[in-house]
Amino acid sequence: MAIISTTSVNGEMPILKSTGTGGTALAAFHSALVGVNLGHYNLVRLSSVLPPGTFVDATGTAPPPVGTWGDRLYCVYAEQRATIPGEEAWAGIGWVQRLSGDGGGLMVEHEGGSEAFVAESITTSLHDMVLGSEEQFSAPHFVLNGAHCTGQPVCSLVIAPFEIASWHIGVVSPASINLSGGSRRRRGSPLARVLSLSRS
């Protein structure tokens, strides 16, 4: 028995950013997710490793994985909320790519009340994570997003969606997704296969 994997973005990993507002801080977070068309999934937060064969697209033009209402969305995200007028909310994701082999790398997320704090936290984390590693990595890159509370609560979001997986049990079933203007089939991703083994 296996968890059905719908789509994954092993080739191009989009980094998306959005700002939301709402009557509560939680509603503002949901609004930010809706802003990048990810508000109808259950988020499963991942840690800091980009799989081999994955390259980050910071332009926001690479398509995110797609699924149906309530599916699991495996992702890395940073989100900061502000509820007091005058407060700022900043969120960011940073990454380094391996320079040898088939790509992959490390990714971190940080949040805070200022752009400078989040940027410094990201670069410090990535610097320390690669320190002493035998791998060679690219220079750090990051995407930041900020919001300013003027009344209603606001939420600043930066999210890297990895993969969608259904709650249904059955045979692994890949789906067609549109990549670079074309449609092609993807086999079950490594994450889906790991989930399959864990449910056997």
Protein backbone atom coordinates (compact mmCIF):
# COMPACT_ATOMS: atom_id res chain seq x y z
CA MET A 1 0.00 0.00 0.00
CA ALA A 2 1.30 3.47 -0.82
CA ILE A 3 0.41 7.10 -0.39
CA ILE A 4 -0.45 8.53 -3.80
CA SER A 5 1.95 11.24 -4.89
CA THR A 6 0.38 13.73 -7.27
CA THR A 7 3.14 16.07 -8.40
CA SER A 8 6.58 17.15 -7.31
CA VAL A 9 9.04 19.82 -8.41
CA ASN A 10 12.38 18.04 -8.27
CA GLY A 11 13.64 19.86 -11.37
CA GLU A 12 12.84 23.50 -10.60
CA MET A 13 12.00 24.49 -7.03
CA PRO A 14 9.90 27.67 -7.00
CA ILE A 15 10.28 30.16 -4.17
CA LEU A 16 7.00 32.03 -3.76
CA LYS A 17 6.21 35.05 -1.60
CA SER A 18 2.97 36.65 -0.50
CA THR A 19 1.49 39.05 2.04
CA GLY A 20 -1.90 38.52 3.68
CA THR A 21 -4.23 40.44 5.98
CA GLY A 22 -7.12 39.32 8.14
CA GLY A 23 -9.15 39.85 11.26
CA THR A 24 -6.71 37.63 13.17
CA ALA A 25 -3.05 36.75 12.68
CA LEU A 26 -4.04 33.21 11.71
CA ALA A 27 -6.48 34.52 9.11
CA ALA A 28 -3.70 36.71 7.73
CA PHE A 29 -1.46 33.63 7.38
CA HIS A 30 -4.21 31.81 5.49
CA SER A 31 -4.69 34.88 3.27
CA ALA A 32 -0.99 34.82 2.39
CA LEU A 33 -1.23 31.13 1.43
CA VAL A 34 -4.27 31.86 -0.73
CA GLY A 35 -2.23 34.60 -2.40
CA VAL A 36 0.08 31.95 -3.90
CA ASN A 37 -2.76 29.46 -4.51
CA LEU A 38 -1.66 27.14 -1.69
CA GLY A 39 -4.40 27.84 0.85
CA HIS A 40 -6.31 24.57 0.24
CA TYR A 41 -3.52 22.16 1.26
CA ASN A 42 -2.34 20.75 4.60
CA LEU A 43 1.20 21.97 5.13
CA VAL A 44 3.89 19.48 6.17
CA ARG A 45 7.00 21.44 7.11
CA LEU A 46 10.35 20.04 5.95
CA SER A 47 13.85 20.76 7.21
CA SER A 48 16.91 22.01 5.40
CA VAL A 49 18.03 19.64 2.63
CA LEU A 50 17.32 20.07 -1.08
CA PRO A 51 17.18 16.69 -2.87
CA PRO A 52 19.61 15.85 -5.70
CA GLY A 53 18.39 17.00 -9.09
CA THR A 54 16.65 20.01 -7.53
CA PHE A 55 17.55 23.54 -8.54
CA VAL A 56 15.98 26.64 -7.01
CA ASP A 57 14.07 29.14 -9.15
CA ALA A 58 13.88 32.46 -7.30
CA THR A 59 11.97 34.19 -10.09
CA GLY A 60 8.64 32.73 -8.98
CA THR A 61 7.89 31.59 -12.53
CA ALA A 62 8.48 27.84 -12.03
CA PRO A 63 5.11 26.13 -11.48
CA PRO A 64 4.37 24.79 -7.98
CA PRO A 65 3.11 21.23 -7.55
CA VAL A 66 -0.65 20.85 -7.94
CA GLY A 67 -3.15 18.63 -6.19
CA THR A 68 -6.69 18.53 -4.81
CA TRP A 69 -8.39 20.03 -1.76
CA GLY A 70 -6.84 18.88 1.51
CA ASP A 71 -3.79 17.11 0.05
CA ARG A 72 -0.49 17.21 1.93
CA LEU A 73 1.92 19.90 0.76
CA TYR A 74 5.52 19.14 1.73
CA CYS A 75 7.30 22.47 1.92
CA VAL A 76 9.80 24.78 3.56
CA TYR A 77 8.31 28.09 4.61
CA ALA A 78 8.95 31.19 6.69
CA GLU A 79 6.11 33.32 7.99
CA GLN A 80 6.02 36.28 10.30
CA ARG A 81 2.89 37.98 11.65
CA ALA A 82 2.38 41.51 12.96
CA THR A 83 -0.69 42.64 14.89
CA ILE A 84 0.25 46.04 16.30
CA PRO A 85 0.10 49.09 14.01
CA GLY A 86 3.62 50.18 13.16
CA GLU A 87 5.12 46.68 13.47
CA GLU A 88 6.90 45.05 10.54
CA ALA A 89 6.80 41.37 9.62
CA TRP A 90 9.66 39.89 7.59
CA ALA A 91 10.16 36.35 6.33
CA GLY A 92 12.81 34.80 4.15
CA ILE A 93 14.22 31.61 2.68
CA GLY A 94 17.88 31.17 1.79
CA TRP A 95 19.77 28.38 0.09
CA VAL A 96 23.10 27.16 -1.24
CA GLN A 97 23.46 24.66 -4.10
CA ARG A 98 26.07 21.93 -4.39
CA LEU A 99 28.55 22.72 -7.17
CA SER A 100 29.31 19.08 -7.98
CA GLY A 101 27.18 16.03 -8.65
CA ASP A 102 23.53 16.39 -9.55
CA GLY A 103 22.58 19.49 -7.63
CA GLY A 104 20.67 19.61 -4.41
CA GLY A 105 21.81 21.71 -1.50
CA LEU A 106 20.74 23.26 1.78
CA MET A 107 17.83 25.58 2.54
CA VAL A 108 16.94 27.60 5.64
CA GLU A 109 14.05 29.79 6.72
CA HIS A 110 14.03 32.73 9.15
CA GLU A 111 11.51 35.28 10.38
CA GLY A 112 11.70 38.52 12.34
CA GLY A 113 10.73 42.13 12.76
CA SER A 114 13.22 43.64 10.30
CA GLU A 115 14.70 42.95 6.89
CA ALA A 116 18.27 43.23 8.18
CA PHE A 117 17.68 40.70 10.97
CA VAL A 118 16.21 38.08 8.63
CA ALA A 119 18.89 38.55 5.96
CA GLU A 120 21.69 38.27 8.52
CA SER A 121 20.10 35.21 10.15
CA ILE A 122 19.85 33.42 6.80
CA THR A 123 23.45 34.12 5.76
CA THR A 124 24.78 33.17 9.21
CA SER A 125 22.87 29.89 9.28
CA LEU A 126 24.01 28.89 5.80
CA HIS A 127 27.62 29.88 6.53
CA ASP A 128 27.70 27.73 9.65
CA MET A 129 25.94 24.79 7.98
CA VAL A 130 28.51 24.46 5.18
CA LEU A 131 31.51 25.24 7.37
CA GLY A 132 33.92 22.32 7.30
CA SER A 133 31.87 20.35 4.76
CA GLU A 134 33.69 18.35 2.10
CA GLU A 135 31.05 19.49 -0.39
CA GLN A 136 31.55 22.67 -2.43
CA PHE A 137 28.57 25.05 -2.38
CA SER A 138 27.48 28.14 -4.25
CA ALA A 139 27.30 31.54 -2.58
CA PRO A 140 24.14 32.05 -0.48
CA HIS A 141 20.99 33.28 -2.18
CA PHE A 142 17.76 34.34 -0.53
CA VAL A 143 14.25 35.66 -1.10
CA LEU A 144 12.78 38.07 1.46
CA ASN A 145 9.29 39.45 1.91
CA GLY A 146 8.12 42.19 4.26
CA ALA A 147 4.81 43.59 5.45
CA HIS A 148 3.85 46.60 7.55
CA CYS A 149 0.91 46.50 9.94
CA THR A 150 -1.30 49.57 9.62
CA GLY A 151 -4.46 48.21 11.24
CA GLN A 152 -5.51 44.64 10.67
CA PRO A 153 -3.03 41.83 11.39
CA VAL A 154 -0.66 41.08 8.53
CA CYS A 155 1.44 38.05 7.61
CA SER A 156 4.54 37.91 5.43
CA LEU A 157 5.15 34.53 3.79
CA VAL A 158 7.94 32.95 1.74
CA ILE A 159 7.38 29.32 0.78
CA ALA A 160 9.19 26.61 -1.20
CA PRO A 161 6.70 23.86 -2.19
CA PHE A 162 8.33 20.46 -2.74
CA GLU A 163 5.59 17.91 -3.35
CA ILE A 164 1.88 17.18 -3.09
CA ALA A 165 0.65 13.83 -1.71
CA SER A 166 -2.92 12.60 -1.41
CA TRP A 167 -4.45 11.03 1.70
CA HIS A 168 -5.83 8.19 -0.40
CA ILE A 169 -4.23 4.78 -0.16
CA GLY A 170 -3.45 2.85 -3.32
CA VAL A 171 -0.91 2.50 -6.09
CA VAL A 172 1.48 5.37 -6.64
CA SER A 173 -0.13 7.50 -9.33
CA PRO A 174 1.91 10.26 -10.98
CA ALA A 175 0.13 13.17 -12.61
CA SER A 176 0.82 15.34 -15.63
CA ILE A 177 2.23 18.75 -14.82
CA ASN A 178 3.19 21.70 -16.96
CA LEU A 179 6.91 22.44 -16.92
CA SER A 180 8.46 25.11 -19.16
CA GLY A 181 5.37 25.26 -21.34
CA GLY A 182 5.12 21.51 -21.86
CA SER A 183 3.35 18.64 -20.15
CA ARG A 184 5.10 15.49 -19.10
CA ARG A 185 4.65 12.62 -16.72
CA ARG A 186 6.74 12.21 -13.60
CA ARG A 187 7.33 8.99 -11.79
CA GLY A 188 6.73 8.79 -8.07
CA SER A 189 9.29 11.02 -6.38
CA PRO A 190 11.87 9.83 -3.82
CA LEU A 191 9.75 11.31 -1.05
CA ALA A 192 6.69 9.36 -2.20
CA ARG A 193 8.72 6.15 -2.31
CA VAL A 194 9.96 6.72 1.24
CA LEU A 195 6.38 7.27 2.39
CA SER A 196 5.35 4.11 0.57
CA LEU A 197 7.94 2.04 2.43
CA SER A 198 6.88 3.51 5.74
CA ARG A 199 3.27 2.45 5.19
CA SER A 200 4.02 -1.05 3.81
